Amino acid sequence: MEPAPRQSLQPAGAGALLLGTTAAGVGLGALIGWAAGSWSLGALGGGVAGIPAGVFAVYRRYRGFFT
């Protein structure tokens, strides 16, 4: 049996995943902040939470490359 081919890192795909996850965090934070009365603080909080979430999403997607 042949070993499975090693997964390659695609920088554009990783960047798009990071940007999309972060933008989703900012959008969700802004929505929650808008409901609470301050969309700008909600967007800021969403960005603070969205960046680590984006890094985690990229790591999970490309975890075969890092081993």
N, C-alpha and C. Protein backbone atom coordinates (compact mmCIF):
# COMPACT_ATOMS: atom_id res chain seq x y z
N MET A 1 0.83 -1.18 0.00
CA MET A 1 0.00 0.00 0.00
C MET A 1 0.88 1.24 0.00
N GLU A 2 0.44 2.23 -0.70
CA GLU A 2 1.17 3.49 -0.76
C GLU A 2 0.70 4.42 0.36
N PRO A 3 1.62 5.18 0.92
CA PRO A 3 1.20 6.15 1.95
C PRO A 3 0.39 7.27 1.33
N ALA A 4 -0.46 7.85 2.14
CA ALA A 4 -1.29 8.97 1.66
C ALA A 4 -0.39 10.15 1.31
N PRO A 5 -0.70 10.85 0.23
CA PRO A 5 0.12 12.01 -0.13
C PRO A 5 0.05 13.10 0.94
N ARG A 6 1.16 13.76 1.13
CA ARG A 6 1.21 14.81 2.14
C ARG A 6 0.40 16.02 1.68
N GLN A 7 -0.36 16.58 2.57
CA GLN A 7 -1.20 17.73 2.25
C GLN A 7 -0.33 18.96 2.06
N SER A 8 -0.65 19.77 1.06
CA SER A 8 0.15 20.97 0.83
C SER A 8 -0.57 22.19 1.39
N LEU A 9 0.22 23.15 1.84
CA LEU A 9 -0.32 24.39 2.37
C LEU A 9 -0.59 25.34 1.22
N GLN A 10 -1.78 25.86 1.14
CA GLN A 10 -2.14 26.82 0.11
C GLN A 10 -2.30 28.17 0.78
N PRO A 11 -1.33 29.08 0.60
CA PRO A 11 -1.37 30.35 1.32
C PRO A 11 -2.64 31.18 1.04
N ALA A 12 -3.10 31.18 -0.20
CA ALA A 12 -4.30 31.98 -0.51
C ALA A 12 -5.53 31.39 0.19
N GLY A 13 -5.63 30.08 0.22
CA GLY A 13 -6.75 29.44 0.90
C GLY A 13 -6.69 29.66 2.40
N ALA A 14 -5.49 29.59 2.97
CA ALA A 14 -5.34 29.83 4.41
C ALA A 14 -5.69 31.27 4.76
N GLY A 15 -5.25 32.20 3.92
CA GLY A 15 -5.56 33.61 4.17
C GLY A 15 -7.05 33.90 4.04
N ALA A 16 -7.68 33.28 3.05
CA ALA A 16 -9.12 33.48 2.87
C ALA A 16 -9.90 32.90 4.05
N LEU A 17 -9.47 31.75 4.54
CA LEU A 17 -10.12 31.15 5.69
C LEU A 17 -9.94 32.02 6.94
N LEU A 18 -8.74 32.53 7.13
CA LEU A 18 -8.47 33.41 8.27
C LEU A 18 -9.30 34.69 8.18
N LEU A 19 -9.33 35.31 7.00
CA LEU A 19 -10.09 36.54 6.82
C LEU A 19 -11.59 36.31 6.97
N GLY A 20 -12.08 35.22 6.40
CA GLY A 20 -13.51 34.93 6.50
C GLY A 20 -13.96 34.65 7.91
N THR A 21 -13.17 33.90 8.65
CA THR A 21 -13.52 33.60 10.04
C THR A 21 -13.47 34.85 10.90
N THR A 22 -12.45 35.67 10.68
CA THR A 22 -12.35 36.92 11.44
C THR A 22 -13.51 37.86 11.10
N ALA A 23 -13.84 37.97 9.82
CA ALA A 23 -14.96 38.83 9.41
C ALA A 23 -16.28 38.32 9.98
N ALA A 24 -16.44 37.02 10.04
CA ALA A 24 -17.66 36.47 10.64
C ALA A 24 -17.73 36.81 12.12
N GLY A 25 -16.60 36.76 12.80
CA GLY A 25 -16.56 37.14 14.22
C GLY A 25 -16.91 38.60 14.43
N VAL A 26 -16.37 39.46 13.57
CA VAL A 26 -16.67 40.90 13.67
C VAL A 26 -18.15 41.15 13.38
N GLY A 27 -18.68 40.49 12.37
CA GLY A 27 -20.09 40.67 12.03
C GLY A 27 -21.01 40.18 13.13
N LEU A 28 -20.70 39.03 13.68
CA LEU A 28 -21.52 38.50 14.77
C LEU A 28 -21.41 39.39 16.01
N GLY A 29 -20.21 39.87 16.30
CA GLY A 29 -20.03 40.77 17.43
C GLY A 29 -20.78 42.08 17.24
N ALA A 30 -20.75 42.61 16.01
CA ALA A 30 -21.48 43.85 15.73
C ALA A 30 -22.98 43.64 15.89
N LEU A 31 -23.46 42.48 15.47
CA LEU A 31 -24.89 42.18 15.61
C LEU A 31 -25.29 42.08 17.08
N ILE A 32 -24.47 41.40 17.87
CA ILE A 32 -24.75 41.31 19.30
C ILE A 32 -24.62 42.68 19.95
N GLY A 33 -23.61 43.45 19.56
CA GLY A 33 -23.44 44.79 20.11
C GLY A 33 -24.59 45.72 19.73
N TRP A 34 -25.09 45.58 18.52
CA TRP A 34 -26.22 46.39 18.08
C TRP A 34 -27.45 46.09 18.94
N ALA A 35 -27.65 44.82 19.22
CA ALA A 35 -28.79 44.44 20.07
C ALA A 35 -28.61 44.95 21.49
N ALA A 36 -27.34 45.08 21.93
CA ALA A 36 -27.07 45.55 23.29
C ALA A 36 -26.94 47.06 23.37
N GLY A 37 -26.88 47.74 22.21
CA GLY A 37 -26.85 49.19 22.23
C GLY A 37 -25.58 49.84 21.71
N SER A 38 -24.53 49.09 21.41
CA SER A 38 -23.29 49.67 20.91
C SER A 38 -22.65 48.72 19.92
N TRP A 39 -22.97 48.91 18.63
CA TRP A 39 -22.46 47.99 17.62
C TRP A 39 -20.95 48.10 17.47
N SER A 40 -20.37 49.29 17.71
CA SER A 40 -18.93 49.44 17.53
C SER A 40 -18.14 48.64 18.57
N LEU A 41 -18.60 48.66 19.82
CA LEU A 41 -17.93 47.86 20.84
C LEU A 41 -18.14 46.37 20.59
N GLY A 42 -19.30 46.02 20.07
CA GLY A 42 -19.55 44.62 19.71
C GLY A 42 -18.64 44.16 18.59
N ALA A 43 -18.43 45.02 17.59
CA ALA A 43 -17.53 44.68 16.48
C ALA A 43 -16.10 44.54 16.98
N LEU A 44 -15.70 45.41 17.89
CA LEU A 44 -14.36 45.31 18.47
C LEU A 44 -14.20 43.99 19.23
N GLY A 45 -15.18 43.65 20.03
CA GLY A 45 -15.14 42.37 20.75
C GLY A 45 -15.16 41.18 19.80
N GLY A 46 -15.92 41.29 18.73
CA GLY A 46 -15.95 40.22 17.74
C GLY A 46 -14.62 40.06 17.04
N GLY A 47 -13.93 41.17 16.80
CA GLY A 47 -12.60 41.08 16.20
C GLY A 47 -11.59 40.46 17.13
N VAL A 48 -11.69 40.81 18.41
CA VAL A 48 -10.78 40.23 19.40
C VAL A 48 -11.00 38.73 19.52
N ALA A 49 -12.24 38.30 19.44
CA ALA A 49 -12.54 36.86 19.51
C ALA A 49 -12.35 36.18 18.15
N GLY A 50 -12.53 36.93 17.06
CA GLY A 50 -12.46 36.33 15.73
C GLY A 50 -11.06 36.00 15.26
N ILE A 51 -10.06 36.75 15.69
CA ILE A 51 -8.69 36.48 15.25
C ILE A 51 -8.20 35.12 15.77
N PRO A 52 -8.30 34.83 17.07
CA PRO A 52 -7.89 33.48 17.50
C PRO A 52 -8.75 32.37 16.89
N ALA A 53 -10.03 32.66 16.67
CA ALA A 53 -10.89 31.66 16.03
C ALA A 53 -10.42 31.39 14.60
N GLY A 54 -9.99 32.43 13.90
CA GLY A 54 -9.47 32.26 12.55
C GLY A 54 -8.17 31.47 12.53
N VAL A 55 -7.28 31.76 13.47
CA VAL A 55 -6.03 31.01 13.56
C VAL A 55 -6.32 29.54 13.84
N PHE A 56 -7.25 29.28 14.74
CA PHE A 56 -7.62 27.90 15.05
C PHE A 56 -8.23 27.20 13.84
N ALA A 57 -9.06 27.91 13.08
CA ALA A 57 -9.68 27.32 11.88
C ALA A 57 -8.62 26.96 10.84
N VAL A 58 -7.64 27.83 10.65
CA VAL A 58 -6.56 27.53 9.70
C VAL A 58 -5.74 26.35 10.19
N TYR A 59 -5.45 26.31 11.48
CA TYR A 59 -4.70 25.18 12.02
C TYR A 59 -5.46 23.87 11.83
N ARG A 60 -6.76 23.87 12.11
CA ARG A 60 -7.55 22.65 11.95
C ARG A 60 -7.63 22.22 10.49
N ARG A 61 -7.74 23.18 9.58
CA ARG A 61 -7.85 22.85 8.15
C ARG A 61 -6.55 22.28 7.61
N TYR A 62 -5.43 22.83 8.03
CA TYR A 62 -4.12 22.43 7.50
C TYR A 62 -3.29 21.68 8.54
N ARG A 63 -3.94 20.97 9.48
CA ARG A 63 -3.18 20.30 10.55
C ARG A 63 -2.28 19.20 10.01
N GLY A 64 -2.59 18.60 8.88
CA GLY A 64 -1.71 17.58 8.30
C GLY A 64 -0.40 18.15 7.80
N PHE A 65 -0.39 19.41 7.46
CA PHE A 65 0.83 20.06 6.97
C PHE A 65 1.79 20.34 8.11
N PHE A 66 1.29 20.59 9.31
CA PHE A 66 2.13 20.99 10.43
C PHE A 66 2.77 19.81 11.17
N THR A 67 2.43 18.58 10.79
CA THR A 67 3.02 17.42 11.47
C THR A 67 4.11 16.80 10.66
